[in-house]
Amino acid sequence: MHEYDQETDPPIAQPIIAQSLVTAARTWAALHPGASLRDRTHLAARIELELLGGMACD
């Protein structure tokens, strides 16, 4: 069996989902410069919940 045939665990040190959520939030903020502080706070809270383990869909 070759090394590339063996199953490996994904690297824990690379929080891909967390990085993607933060990047999405930054992109959203850049695309919506006129968003209210309430909207931005709501987005930050949703991202925090996702990073803490998810949330129910609205």
C-alpha atoms as a PDB file:
ATOM      1  CA  MET A   1       0.000   0.000   0.000  1.00  0.00           C
ATOM      2  CA  HIS A   2       1.339   3.414  -0.962  1.00  0.00           C
ATOM      3  CA  GLU A   3       1.361   6.388   1.344  1.00  0.00           C
ATOM      4  CA  TYR A   4      -1.177   8.200  -0.833  1.00  0.00           C
ATOM      5  CA  ASP A   5      -3.601   5.261  -0.479  1.00  0.00           C
ATOM      6  CA  GLN A   6      -3.765   5.589   3.293  1.00  0.00           C
ATOM      7  CA  GLU A   7      -6.539   7.569   4.931  1.00  0.00           C
ATOM      8  CA  THR A   8      -5.397  10.584   6.864  1.00  0.00           C
ATOM      9  CA  ASP A   9      -7.151  12.934   9.204  1.00  0.00           C
ATOM     10  CA  PRO A  10      -7.555  16.506   7.980  1.00  0.00           C
ATOM     11  CA  PRO A  11      -5.096  18.868   9.612  1.00  0.00           C
ATOM     12  CA  ILE A  12      -6.601  20.318  12.782  1.00  0.00           C
ATOM     13  CA  ALA A  13      -4.404  23.410  12.615  1.00  0.00           C
ATOM     14  CA  GLN A  14      -6.275  24.712   9.556  1.00  0.00           C
ATOM     15  CA  PRO A  15      -9.689  26.081  10.610  1.00  0.00           C
ATOM     16  CA  ILE A  16     -11.033  26.257   7.065  1.00  0.00           C
ATOM     17  CA  ILE A  17     -14.677  26.760   8.042  1.00  0.00           C
ATOM     18  CA  ALA A  18     -13.849  29.498  10.532  1.00  0.00           C
ATOM     19  CA  GLN A  19     -11.670  31.289   7.989  1.00  0.00           C
ATOM     20  CA  SER A  20     -14.417  30.975   5.377  1.00  0.00           C
ATOM     21  CA  LEU A  21     -17.047  32.456   7.699  1.00  0.00           C
ATOM     22  CA  VAL A  22     -14.853  35.405   8.598  1.00  0.00           C
ATOM     23  CA  THR A  23     -13.976  35.988   4.942  1.00  0.00           C
ATOM     24  CA  ALA A  24     -17.656  35.857   4.006  1.00  0.00           C
ATOM     25  CA  ALA A  25     -18.475  38.413   6.693  1.00  0.00           C
ATOM     26  CA  ARG A  26     -15.733  40.741   5.522  1.00  0.00           C
ATOM     27  CA  THR A  27     -16.917  40.391   1.931  1.00  0.00           C
ATOM     28  CA  TRP A  28     -20.501  41.092   2.971  1.00  0.00           C
ATOM     29  CA  ALA A  29     -19.397  44.190   4.890  1.00  0.00           C
ATOM     30  CA  ALA A  30     -17.446  45.456   1.872  1.00  0.00           C
ATOM     31  CA  LEU A  31     -20.405  44.893  -0.450  1.00  0.00           C
ATOM     32  CA  HIS A  32     -22.863  46.567   1.943  1.00  0.00           C
ATOM     33  CA  PRO A  33     -21.100  49.750   3.099  1.00  0.00           C
ATOM     34  CA  GLY A  34     -24.421  51.358   3.991  1.00  0.00           C
ATOM     35  CA  ALA A  35     -25.483  48.557   6.314  1.00  0.00           C
ATOM     36  CA  SER A  36     -26.681  49.681   9.701  1.00  0.00           C
ATOM     37  CA  LEU A  37     -24.787  48.966  12.891  1.00  0.00           C
ATOM     38  CA  ARG A  38     -27.644  46.639  13.837  1.00  0.00           C
ATOM     39  CA  ASP A  39     -27.162  44.611  10.641  1.00  0.00           C
ATOM     40  CA  ARG A  40     -23.413  44.375  11.189  1.00  0.00           C
ATOM     41  CA  THR A  41     -23.888  43.346  14.832  1.00  0.00           C
ATOM     42  CA  HIS A  42     -26.407  40.695  13.774  1.00  0.00           C
ATOM     43  CA  LEU A  43     -23.978  39.307  11.196  1.00  0.00           C
ATOM     44  CA  ALA A  44     -21.149  39.198  13.751  1.00  0.00           C
ATOM     45  CA  ALA A  45     -23.412  37.391  16.227  1.00  0.00           C
ATOM     46  CA  ARG A  46     -24.426  34.805  13.628  1.00  0.00           C
ATOM     47  CA  ILE A  47     -20.802  34.148  12.738  1.00  0.00           C
ATOM     48  CA  GLU A  48     -19.906  33.800  16.404  1.00  0.00           C
ATOM     49  CA  LEU A  49     -22.680  31.238  16.849  1.00  0.00           C
ATOM     50  CA  GLU A  50     -21.473  29.313  13.803  1.00  0.00           C
ATOM     51  CA  LEU A  51     -17.928  29.275  15.129  1.00  0.00           C
ATOM     52  CA  LEU A  52     -19.194  28.019  18.489  1.00  0.00           C
ATOM     53  CA  GLY A  53     -20.922  25.056  16.933  1.00  0.00           C
ATOM     54  CA  GLY A  54     -23.732  26.074  14.696  1.00  0.00           C
ATOM     55  CA  MET A  55     -27.236  27.369  14.956  1.00  0.00           C
ATOM     56  CA  ALA A  56     -30.682  26.648  13.640  1.00  0.00           C
ATOM     57  CA  CYS A  57     -31.523  28.078  10.225  1.00  0.00           C
ATOM     58  CA  ASP A  58     -33.838  31.116  10.179  1.00  0.00           C
END
